[in-house]
Amino acid sequence: MKKIAILTDFSDRSTNAALYALQLARHLGANILLYHTFLVPSAEPLSAQIAWPLEDDDALQKSNEKDLRLQAEQLKKVLSGWPADAFKPAITCNCSAGTATLDLDELLADKALILIVIATHHTGFTALVMGNHLRGVLDNSSLPVMIIPEHAAFTSLQKIAFPTDLSAADLEVLNSLAGLARPFHAEIMLAHISPEGDPAETPVKNFLQDVGNQIDYPNIYYRNIHQNQVKTGLQELETAVGADLLVMVHRNKGFIERLFGGSYTQKLAANPLVPLLIYPYPVPAYPVF
């Protein structure tokens, strides 16, 4: 059965992301995996210079497992308040020593997984560490990663905004995205950001023709956003179009990376204004929601 993995550090942000993912799982008919990794001091490079009892590793493992179970119980209490006829995801836990980046291979080995959900990282002193953690997940995941802002509350998905560079690869993403939109009958707005007066009529026409021929979903429309700066166009998508979800493709030397060296993508992922779904590229196949 389909499964959504929630990467949690037990923070309020992670709890909010878990609640969002729980509602999403309800509509997608997917189960939930709460996933937590933690650093073991005895395994760190400096541990040989420090007397770190192995018993403390066991205590740390048990402490994190306890916290994970408590978070699972929180989610189960939410389920108990749902209508009797509502789909109620099964909730399982996995707690392991290491880092999320290093353990992604183990996590991704689960073929039932369709999505990874993670909260935005903290600001302030821990921003650098958590930011690297988030970038590590994005760089190493073969599944879409959904990043949930701190105060985002799930209501429904009515409008999904997908900025596209009109490439054939985006058709594969759109096909997967249509499966996510279908249970909500959500609109998918394809947005191409281009300078004023940019003569892109032929590429747009060809791309939209391919969309019509290859994507079996009726609620797709196109909007050209005239902005000389892609960064400004993306900010407009976040703030002006009323989207419930913004979708981007994370690939080396993609159209955003070429213009901004990846820096704006990283900033957007760190502090999105709306939930952000990032598809990796290239991958053998995208999930069927």
C-alpha atoms as a PDB file:
ATOM      1  CA  MET A   1       0.000   0.000   0.000  1.00  0.00           C
ATOM      2  CA  LYS A   2       1.140   3.570  -0.687  1.00  0.00           C
ATOM      3  CA  LYS A   3       3.099   5.255   2.050  1.00  0.00           C
ATOM      4  CA  ILE A   4       4.198   8.803   2.936  1.00  0.00           C
ATOM      5  CA  ALA A   5       7.392   9.238   4.983  1.00  0.00           C
ATOM      6  CA  ILE A   6       7.562  12.140   7.428  1.00  0.00           C
ATOM      7  CA  LEU A   7      11.078  13.153   8.469  1.00  0.00           C
ATOM      8  CA  THR A   8      10.716  14.433  12.013  1.00  0.00           C
ATOM      9  CA  ASP A   9      12.954  15.988  14.669  1.00  0.00           C
ATOM     10  CA  PHE A  10      10.051  16.315  17.169  1.00  0.00           C
ATOM     11  CA  SER A  11       9.995  20.113  16.864  1.00  0.00           C
ATOM     12  CA  ASP A  12       6.756  22.092  16.598  1.00  0.00           C
ATOM     13  CA  ARG A  13       7.538  22.549  12.900  1.00  0.00           C
ATOM     14  CA  SER A  14       7.836  18.804  12.402  1.00  0.00           C
ATOM     15  CA  THR A  15       4.619  18.184  14.314  1.00  0.00           C
ATOM     16  CA  ASN A  16       2.811  20.664  12.072  1.00  0.00           C
ATOM     17  CA  ALA A  17       4.283  19.004   8.963  1.00  0.00           C
ATOM     18  CA  ALA A  18       3.137  15.614  10.269  1.00  0.00           C
ATOM     19  CA  LEU A  19      -0.414  16.894  10.775  1.00  0.00           C
ATOM     20  CA  TYR A  20      -0.403  18.274   7.226  1.00  0.00           C
ATOM     21  CA  ALA A  21       0.889  14.983   5.835  1.00  0.00           C
ATOM     22  CA  LEU A  22      -1.736  13.038   7.799  1.00  0.00           C
ATOM     23  CA  GLN A  23      -4.537  14.945   6.078  1.00  0.00           C
ATOM     24  CA  LEU A  24      -2.852  14.506   2.710  1.00  0.00           C
ATOM     25  CA  ALA A  25      -2.528  10.757   3.327  1.00  0.00           C
ATOM     26  CA  ARG A  26      -6.239  10.578   4.107  1.00  0.00           C
ATOM     27  CA  HIS A  27      -7.135  11.883   0.650  1.00  0.00           C
ATOM     28  CA  LEU A  28      -4.478   9.839  -1.168  1.00  0.00           C
ATOM     29  CA  GLY A  29      -5.266   6.570   0.624  1.00  0.00           C
ATOM     30  CA  ALA A  30      -1.694   6.268   1.899  1.00  0.00           C
ATOM     31  CA  ASN A  31      -0.205   5.095   5.179  1.00  0.00           C
ATOM     32  CA  ILE A  32       2.273   7.105   7.280  1.00  0.00           C
ATOM     33  CA  LEU A  33       5.866   6.328   8.241  1.00  0.00           C
ATOM     34  CA  LEU A  34       7.322   8.568  10.948  1.00  0.00           C
ATOM     35  CA  TYR A  35      11.068   8.578  10.364  1.00  0.00           C
ATOM     36  CA  HIS A  36      13.693   9.968  12.728  1.00  0.00           C
ATOM     37  CA  THR A  37      17.466   9.786  12.621  1.00  0.00           C
ATOM     38  CA  PHE A  38      19.893  10.979  15.272  1.00  0.00           C
ATOM     39  CA  LEU A  39      23.635  11.376  15.600  1.00  0.00           C
ATOM     40  CA  VAL A  40      25.514   8.877  17.778  1.00  0.00           C
ATOM     41  CA  PRO A  41      28.440  10.640  19.487  1.00  0.00           C
ATOM     42  CA  SER A  42      30.550   7.451  19.658  1.00  0.00           C
ATOM     43  CA  ALA A  43      30.431   7.216  15.859  1.00  0.00           C
ATOM     44  CA  GLU A  44      31.669  10.752  15.269  1.00  0.00           C
ATOM     45  CA  PRO A  45      35.328  11.331  14.181  1.00  0.00           C
ATOM     46  CA  LEU A  46      36.323  12.933  17.516  1.00  0.00           C
ATOM     47  CA  SER A  47      34.793  10.165  19.599  1.00  0.00           C
ATOM     48  CA  ALA A  48      38.101   8.251  19.771  1.00  0.00           C
ATOM     49  CA  GLN A  49      39.555  11.147  21.767  1.00  0.00           C
ATOM     50  CA  ILE A  50      36.639  11.202  24.198  1.00  0.00           C
ATOM     51  CA  ALA A  51      35.523   8.517  26.625  1.00  0.00           C
ATOM     52  CA  TRP A  52      31.921   8.054  25.441  1.00  0.00           C
ATOM     53  CA  PRO A  53      30.230   5.023  27.049  1.00  0.00           C
ATOM     54  CA  LEU A  54      28.462   2.765  24.575  1.00  0.00           C
ATOM     55  CA  GLU A  55      25.657   2.463  27.109  1.00  0.00           C
ATOM     56  CA  ASP A  56      24.856   6.103  26.392  1.00  0.00           C
ATOM     57  CA  ASP A  57      24.277   5.208  22.746  1.00  0.00           C
ATOM     58  CA  ASP A  58      21.626   2.716  23.849  1.00  0.00           C
ATOM     59  CA  ALA A  59      20.035   5.286  26.126  1.00  0.00           C
ATOM     60  CA  LEU A  60      19.967   7.801  23.277  1.00  0.00           C
ATOM     61  CA  GLN A  61      18.324   5.245  20.999  1.00  0.00           C
ATOM     62  CA  LYS A  62      15.646   4.459  23.584  1.00  0.00           C
ATOM     63  CA  SER A  63      15.007   8.133  24.276  1.00  0.00           C
ATOM     64  CA  ASN A  64      14.485   8.902  20.581  1.00  0.00           C
ATOM     65  CA  GLU A  65      12.273   5.850  20.125  1.00  0.00           C
ATOM     66  CA  LYS A  66      10.131   7.042  23.038  1.00  0.00           C
ATOM     67  CA  ASP A  67       9.769  10.508  21.500  1.00  0.00           C
ATOM     68  CA  LEU A  68       8.852   8.951  18.161  1.00  0.00           C
ATOM     69  CA  ARG A  69       6.152   6.805  19.766  1.00  0.00           C
ATOM     70  CA  LEU A  70       4.747   9.874  21.538  1.00  0.00           C
ATOM     71  CA  GLN A  71       4.498  11.738  18.242  1.00  0.00           C
ATOM     72  CA  ALA A  72       2.779   8.732  16.666  1.00  0.00           C
ATOM     73  CA  GLU A  73       0.273   8.724  19.533  1.00  0.00           C
ATOM     74  CA  GLN A  74      -0.453  12.400  18.861  1.00  0.00           C
ATOM     75  CA  LEU A  75      -1.330  11.571  15.273  1.00  0.00           C
ATOM     76  CA  LYS A  76      -3.477   8.607  16.305  1.00  0.00           C
ATOM     77  CA  LYS A  77      -5.479  10.892  18.605  1.00  0.00           C
ATOM     78  CA  VAL A  78      -6.197  13.084  15.598  1.00  0.00           C
ATOM     79  CA  LEU A  79      -7.375  10.017  13.676  1.00  0.00           C
ATOM     80  CA  SER A  80      -9.769   9.112  16.476  1.00  0.00           C
ATOM     81  CA  GLY A  81     -11.667  12.329  15.817  1.00  0.00           C
ATOM     82  CA  TRP A  82     -12.205  11.636  12.130  1.00  0.00           C
ATOM     83  CA  PRO A  83     -15.552  10.340  10.801  1.00  0.00           C
ATOM     84  CA  ALA A  84     -16.001   6.582  11.052  1.00  0.00           C
ATOM     85  CA  ASP A  85     -16.156   6.190   7.269  1.00  0.00           C
ATOM     86  CA  ALA A  86     -12.974   8.219   6.610  1.00  0.00           C
ATOM     87  CA  PHE A  87      -9.817   6.468   5.474  1.00  0.00           C
ATOM     88  CA  LYS A  88      -7.467   6.339   8.467  1.00  0.00           C
ATOM     89  CA  PRO A  89      -3.787   5.859   7.630  1.00  0.00           C
ATOM     90  CA  ALA A  90      -1.831   3.255   9.538  1.00  0.00           C
ATOM     91  CA  ILE A  91       1.073   4.900  11.361  1.00  0.00           C
ATOM     92  CA  THR A  92       4.431   3.169  11.776  1.00  0.00           C
ATOM     93  CA  CYS A  93       7.769   4.404  13.133  1.00  0.00           C
ATOM     94  CA  ASN A  94      11.426   4.015  12.227  1.00  0.00           C
ATOM     95  CA  CYS A  95      14.201   5.391  14.430  1.00  0.00           C
ATOM     96  CA  SER A  96      17.843   4.933  13.472  1.00  0.00           C
ATOM     97  CA  ALA A  97      21.263   6.343  14.241  1.00  0.00           C
ATOM     98  CA  GLY A  98      22.905   8.448  11.542  1.00  0.00           C
ATOM     99  CA  THR A  99      21.601  11.358   9.477  1.00  0.00           C
ATOM    100  CA  ALA A 100      18.606  11.583   7.173  1.00  0.00           C
ATOM    101  CA  THR A 101      20.942  12.098   4.215  1.00  0.00           C
ATOM    102  CA  LEU A 102      23.006   8.991   4.971  1.00  0.00           C
ATOM    103  CA  ASP A 103      19.936   6.888   5.696  1.00  0.00           C
ATOM    104  CA  LEU A 104      17.965   7.848   2.592  1.00  0.00           C
ATOM    105  CA  ASP A 105      19.076   4.702   0.774  1.00  0.00           C
ATOM    106  CA  GLU A 106      17.518   2.594   3.501  1.00  0.00           C
ATOM    107  CA  LEU A 107      14.366   4.690   3.485  1.00  0.00           C
ATOM    108  CA  LEU A 108      14.025   4.747  -0.303  1.00  0.00           C
ATOM    109  CA  ALA A 109      14.375   0.979  -0.471  1.00  0.00           C
ATOM    110  CA  ASP A 110      10.723   0.857   0.606  1.00  0.00           C
ATOM    111  CA  LYS A 111       8.973   0.630  -2.766  1.00  0.00           C
ATOM    112  CA  ALA A 112       5.646   1.617  -1.220  1.00  0.00           C
ATOM    113  CA  LEU A 113       6.891   5.154  -0.587  1.00  0.00           C
ATOM    114  CA  ILE A 114       5.455   7.857  -2.839  1.00  0.00           C
ATOM    115  CA  LEU A 115       6.447  11.035  -1.009  1.00  0.00           C
ATOM    116  CA  ILE A 116       8.784  12.446   1.641  1.00  0.00           C
ATOM    117  CA  VAL A 117       7.464  15.256   3.857  1.00  0.00           C
ATOM    118  CA  ILE A 118       9.746  17.529   5.854  1.00  0.00           C
ATOM    119  CA  ALA A 119       9.284  20.785   7.764  1.00  0.00           C
ATOM    120  CA  THR A 120      11.107  24.009   7.032  1.00  0.00           C
ATOM    121  CA  HIS A 121      14.296  24.303   9.057  1.00  0.00           C
ATOM    122  CA  HIS A 122      14.780  26.599  12.031  1.00  0.00           C
ATOM    123  CA  THR A 123      16.027  30.134  11.742  1.00  0.00           C
ATOM    124  CA  GLY A 124      18.788  31.600  13.867  1.00  0.00           C
ATOM    125  CA  PHE A 125      21.762  29.701  15.239  1.00  0.00           C
ATOM    126  CA  THR A 126      20.721  26.265  13.918  1.00  0.00           C
ATOM    127  CA  ALA A 127      19.832  27.482  10.436  1.00  0.00           C
ATOM    128  CA  LEU A 128      23.143  26.442   8.870  1.00  0.00           C
ATOM    129  CA  VAL A 129      23.007  22.870  10.179  1.00  0.00           C
ATOM    130  CA  MET A 130      19.310  22.371   9.410  1.00  0.00           C
ATOM    131  CA  GLY A 131      19.712  24.049   6.029  1.00  0.00           C
ATOM    132  CA  ASN A 132      22.470  21.626   5.081  1.00  0.00           C
ATOM    133  CA  HIS A 133      20.255  18.791   6.302  1.00  0.00           C
ATOM    134  CA  LEU A 134      17.401  19.903   4.053  1.00  0.00           C
ATOM    135  CA  ARG A 135      19.672  20.394   1.041  1.00  0.00           C
ATOM    136  CA  GLY A 136      21.132  16.943   1.646  1.00  0.00           C
ATOM    137  CA  VAL A 137      17.659  15.407   1.479  1.00  0.00           C
ATOM    138  CA  LEU A 138      16.820  17.308  -1.710  1.00  0.00           C
ATOM    139  CA  ASP A 139      20.110  16.370  -3.368  1.00  0.00           C
ATOM    140  CA  ASN A 140      19.843  12.664  -2.542  1.00  0.00           C
ATOM    141  CA  SER A 141      16.153  11.813  -2.762  1.00  0.00           C
ATOM    142  CA  SER A 142      14.756   9.926  -5.743  1.00  0.00           C
ATOM    143  CA  LEU A 143      11.222  10.727  -4.558  1.00  0.00           C
ATOM    144  CA  PRO A 144       9.369  14.038  -4.486  1.00  0.00           C
ATOM    145  CA  VAL A 145       9.964  16.007  -1.287  1.00  0.00           C
ATOM    146  CA  MET A 146       7.217  18.209   0.144  1.00  0.00           C
ATOM    147  CA  ILE A 147       8.380  21.047   2.394  1.00  0.00           C
ATOM    148  CA  ILE A 148       5.772  22.381   4.814  1.00  0.00           C
ATOM    149  CA  PRO A 149       6.015  25.949   6.154  1.00  0.00           C
ATOM    150  CA  GLU A 150       5.878  26.394   9.920  1.00  0.00           C
ATOM    151  CA  HIS A 151       2.252  27.505  10.190  1.00  0.00           C
ATOM    152  CA  ALA A 152       0.737  25.862   7.096  1.00  0.00           C
ATOM    153  CA  ALA A 153      -2.571  24.135   7.817  1.00  0.00           C
ATOM    154  CA  PHE A 154      -4.052  21.628   5.402  1.00  0.00           C
ATOM    155  CA  THR A 155      -7.497  22.485   4.103  1.00  0.00           C
ATOM    156  CA  SER A 156      -7.500  21.165   0.554  1.00  0.00           C
ATOM    157  CA  LEU A 157      -5.597  21.487  -2.696  1.00  0.00           C
ATOM    158  CA  GLN A 158      -7.528  23.767  -5.001  1.00  0.00           C
ATOM    159  CA  LYS A 159      -4.753  25.296  -7.100  1.00  0.00           C
ATOM    160  CA  ILE A 160      -1.293  23.894  -7.823  1.00  0.00           C
ATOM    161  CA  ALA A 161       1.259  26.171  -9.513  1.00  0.00           C
ATOM    162  CA  PHE A 162       3.975  24.525 -11.584  1.00  0.00           C
ATOM    163  CA  PRO A 163       6.603  26.791 -13.200  1.00  0.00           C
ATOM    164  CA  THR A 164       7.907  25.032 -16.300  1.00  0.00           C
ATOM    165  CA  ASP A 165      10.704  25.598 -18.786  1.00  0.00           C
ATOM    166  CA  LEU A 166       8.572  23.790 -21.420  1.00  0.00           C
ATOM    167  CA  SER A 167      10.910  20.777 -21.508  1.00  0.00           C
ATOM    168  CA  ALA A 168       9.782  17.237 -22.291  1.00  0.00           C
ATOM    169  CA  ALA A 169      11.012  16.179 -18.842  1.00  0.00           C
ATOM    170  CA  ASP A 170       8.348  18.372 -17.249  1.00  0.00           C
ATOM    171  CA  LEU A 171       5.672  16.267 -18.935  1.00  0.00           C
ATOM    172  CA  GLU A 172       6.749  13.309 -16.784  1.00  0.00           C
ATOM    173  CA  VAL A 173       6.481  15.459 -13.680  1.00  0.00           C
ATOM    174  CA  LEU A 174       3.078  16.754 -14.782  1.00  0.00           C
ATOM    175  CA  ASN A 175       1.789  13.226 -15.284  1.00  0.00           C
ATOM    176  CA  SER A 176       2.705  12.368 -11.685  1.00  0.00           C
ATOM    177  CA  LEU A 177       1.362  15.691 -10.433  1.00  0.00           C
ATOM    178  CA  ALA A 178      -2.002  15.031 -12.083  1.00  0.00           C
ATOM    179  CA  GLY A 179      -2.354  11.970  -9.860  1.00  0.00           C
ATOM    180  CA  LEU A 180      -1.844  14.149  -6.789  1.00  0.00           C
ATOM    181  CA  ALA A 181      -4.355  16.732  -8.025  1.00  0.00           C
ATOM    182  CA  ARG A 182      -7.059  14.240  -9.045  1.00  0.00           C
ATOM    183  CA  PRO A 183      -8.530  13.397  -5.587  1.00  0.00           C
ATOM    184  CA  PHE A 184      -9.015  17.120  -4.953  1.00  0.00           C
ATOM    185  CA  HIS A 185     -10.114  18.058  -8.490  1.00  0.00           C
ATOM    186  CA  ALA A 186      -7.418  20.703  -8.160  1.00  0.00           C
ATOM    187  CA  GLU A 187      -6.427  23.085 -10.923  1.00  0.00           C
ATOM    188  CA  ILE A 188      -2.866  22.812 -12.175  1.00  0.00           C
ATOM    189  CA  MET A 189      -1.542  26.113 -13.430  1.00  0.00           C
ATOM    190  CA  LEU A 190       1.432  25.733 -15.750  1.00  0.00           C
ATOM    191  CA  ALA A 191       3.466  28.918 -15.588  1.00  0.00           C
ATOM    192  CA  HIS A 192       6.256  29.923 -17.932  1.00  0.00           C
ATOM    193  CA  ILE A 193       8.338  32.855 -16.741  1.00  0.00           C
ATOM    194  CA  SER A 194       9.716  34.898 -19.627  1.00  0.00           C
ATOM    195  CA  PRO A 195      10.783  38.492 -20.316  1.00  0.00           C
ATOM    196  CA  GLU A 196       8.399  41.011 -21.826  1.00  0.00           C
ATOM    197  CA  GLY A 197       8.170  40.549 -25.563  1.00  0.00           C
ATOM    198  CA  ASP A 198       9.853  37.136 -25.512  1.00  0.00           C
ATOM    199  CA  PRO A 199       8.666  35.354 -28.711  1.00  0.00           C
ATOM    200  CA  ALA A 200       7.928  31.956 -27.125  1.00  0.00           C
ATOM    201  CA  GLU A 201       4.654  31.235 -28.920  1.00  0.00           C
ATOM    202  CA  THR A 202       5.854  28.179 -30.852  1.00  0.00           C
ATOM    203  CA  PRO A 203       7.521  26.385 -27.899  1.00  0.00           C
ATOM    204  CA  VAL A 204       4.470  27.104 -25.729  1.00  0.00           C
ATOM    205  CA  LYS A 205       2.076  25.869 -28.405  1.00  0.00           C
ATOM    206  CA  ASN A 206       4.073  22.657 -28.901  1.00  0.00           C
ATOM    207  CA  PHE A 207       4.344  22.040 -25.166  1.00  0.00           C
ATOM    208  CA  LEU A 208       0.633  22.546 -24.539  1.00  0.00           C
ATOM    209  CA  GLN A 209      -0.179  20.260 -27.453  1.00  0.00           C
ATOM    210  CA  ASP A 210       1.965  17.568 -25.836  1.00  0.00           C
ATOM    211  CA  VAL A 211       0.190  18.172 -22.534  1.00  0.00           C
ATOM    212  CA  GLY A 212      -3.174  17.645 -24.188  1.00  0.00           C
ATOM    213  CA  ASN A 213      -2.016  14.465 -25.919  1.00  0.00           C
ATOM    214  CA  GLN A 214      -0.123  12.870 -23.027  1.00  0.00           C
ATOM    215  CA  ILE A 215      -1.702  14.017 -19.749  1.00  0.00           C
ATOM    216  CA  ASP A 216      -5.093  12.553 -18.858  1.00  0.00           C
ATOM    217  CA  TYR A 217      -6.309  15.332 -16.595  1.00  0.00           C
ATOM    218  CA  PRO A 218      -8.733  18.089 -17.613  1.00  0.00           C
ATOM    219  CA  ASN A 219      -8.008  20.795 -15.007  1.00  0.00           C
ATOM    220  CA  ILE A 220      -4.769  22.114 -16.484  1.00  0.00           C
ATOM    221  CA  TYR A 221      -4.315  25.617 -17.794  1.00  0.00           C
ATOM    222  CA  TYR A 222      -1.420  27.810 -18.855  1.00  0.00           C
ATOM    223  CA  ARG A 223      -0.256  31.252 -17.791  1.00  0.00           C
ATOM    224  CA  ASN A 224       2.681  33.239 -19.105  1.00  0.00           C
ATOM    225  CA  ILE A 225       4.298  35.353 -16.411  1.00  0.00           C
ATOM    226  CA  HIS A 226       6.145  38.284 -17.963  1.00  0.00           C
ATOM    227  CA  GLN A 227       9.095  39.001 -15.715  1.00  0.00           C
ATOM    228  CA  ASN A 228      12.657  39.797 -16.656  1.00  0.00           C
ATOM    229  CA  GLN A 229      13.847  38.032 -13.497  1.00  0.00           C
ATOM    230  CA  VAL A 230      12.888  34.417 -12.810  1.00  0.00           C
ATOM    231  CA  LYS A 231      13.279  35.138  -9.096  1.00  0.00           C
ATOM    232  CA  THR A 232      10.576  37.811  -9.298  1.00  0.00           C
ATOM    233  CA  GLY A 233       8.329  35.502 -11.291  1.00  0.00           C
ATOM    234  CA  LEU A 234       8.631  32.771  -8.671  1.00  0.00           C
ATOM    235  CA  GLN A 235       7.845  35.251  -5.910  1.00  0.00           C
ATOM    236  CA  GLU A 236       4.715  36.217  -7.845  1.00  0.00           C
ATOM    237  CA  LEU A 237       3.681  32.571  -7.997  1.00  0.00           C
ATOM    238  CA  GLU A 238       4.075  32.297  -4.231  1.00  0.00           C
ATOM    239  CA  THR A 239       2.127  35.423  -3.378  1.00  0.00           C
ATOM    240  CA  ALA A 240      -0.183  36.552  -6.176  1.00  0.00           C
ATOM    241  CA  VAL A 241      -1.893  33.540  -7.735  1.00  0.00           C
ATOM    242  CA  GLY A 242      -3.401  32.014  -4.581  1.00  0.00           C
ATOM    243  CA  ALA A 243      -1.757  28.625  -5.014  1.00  0.00           C
ATOM    244  CA  ASP A 244      -2.086  26.002  -2.280  1.00  0.00           C
ATOM    245  CA  LEU A 245       1.026  24.219  -3.524  1.00  0.00           C
ATOM    246  CA  LEU A 246       4.053  25.315  -5.526  1.00  0.00           C
ATOM    247  CA  VAL A 247       5.884  22.656  -7.550  1.00  0.00           C
ATOM    248  CA  MET A 248       9.472  22.821  -8.743  1.00  0.00           C
ATOM    249  CA  VAL A 249      11.942  20.447 -10.363  1.00  0.00           C
ATOM    250  CA  HIS A 250      15.348  20.078  -8.708  1.00  0.00           C
ATOM    251  CA  ARG A 251      17.931  19.246 -11.320  1.00  0.00           C
ATOM    252  CA  ASN A 252      21.536  20.138 -11.971  1.00  0.00           C
ATOM    253  CA  LYS A 253      21.844  23.092 -14.297  1.00  0.00           C
ATOM    254  CA  GLY A 254      18.089  23.502 -14.620  1.00  0.00           C
ATOM    255  CA  PHE A 255      16.691  26.821 -15.788  1.00  0.00           C
ATOM    256  CA  ILE A 256      16.584  28.268 -12.262  1.00  0.00           C
ATOM    257  CA  GLU A 257      20.014  26.895 -11.368  1.00  0.00           C
ATOM    258  CA  ARG A 258      21.530  28.327 -14.527  1.00  0.00           C
ATOM    259  CA  LEU A 259      20.327  31.800 -13.592  1.00  0.00           C
ATOM    260  CA  PHE A 260      20.906  31.726  -9.852  1.00  0.00           C
ATOM    261  CA  GLY A 261      23.457  28.977  -9.256  1.00  0.00           C
ATOM    262  CA  GLY A 262      20.903  27.155  -7.145  1.00  0.00           C
ATOM    263  CA  SER A 263      20.980  29.848  -4.459  1.00  0.00           C
ATOM    264  CA  TYR A 264      17.385  31.003  -4.891  1.00  0.00           C
ATOM    265  CA  THR A 265      16.121  27.441  -5.036  1.00  0.00           C
ATOM    266  CA  GLN A 266      17.792  26.772  -1.683  1.00  0.00           C
ATOM    267  CA  LYS A 267      16.325  29.928  -0.156  1.00  0.00           C
ATOM    268  CA  LEU A 268      12.876  29.098  -1.470  1.00  0.00           C
ATOM    269  CA  ALA A 269      13.095  25.583  -0.036  1.00  0.00           C
ATOM    270  CA  ALA A 270      14.277  26.932   3.321  1.00  0.00           C
ATOM    271  CA  ASN A 271      11.412  29.374   3.799  1.00  0.00           C
ATOM    272  CA  PRO A 272       8.547  28.803   1.348  1.00  0.00           C
ATOM    273  CA  LEU A 273       5.373  30.844   1.829  1.00  0.00           C
ATOM    274  CA  VAL A 274       3.196  27.923   0.733  1.00  0.00           C
ATOM    275  CA  PRO A 275       3.889  24.173   0.782  1.00  0.00           C
ATOM    276  CA  LEU A 276       6.563  23.396  -1.784  1.00  0.00           C
ATOM    277  CA  LEU A 277       6.739  20.094  -3.680  1.00  0.00           C
ATOM    278  CA  ILE A 278      10.144  19.423  -5.228  1.00  0.00           C
ATOM    279  CA  TYR A 279      10.563  16.715  -7.834  1.00  0.00           C
ATOM    280  CA  PRO A 280      14.055  15.294  -8.390  1.00  0.00           C
ATOM    281  CA  TYR A 281      15.502  14.941 -11.880  1.00  0.00           C
ATOM    282  CA  PRO A 282      16.570  12.676 -13.392  1.00  0.00           C
ATOM    283  CA  VAL A 283      15.023   9.566 -11.838  1.00  0.00           C
ATOM    284  CA  PRO A 284      13.945   6.257 -13.422  1.00  0.00           C
ATOM    285  CA  ALA A 285      10.254   6.947 -12.722  1.00  0.00           C
ATOM    286  CA  TYR A 286       8.005   9.233 -10.742  1.00  0.00           C
ATOM    287  CA  PRO A 287       5.475   7.931  -8.192  1.00  0.00           C
ATOM    288  CA  VAL A 288       1.816   7.304  -8.961  1.00  0.00           C
ATOM    289  CA  PHE A 289      -0.214   9.121  -6.342  1.00  0.00           C
END
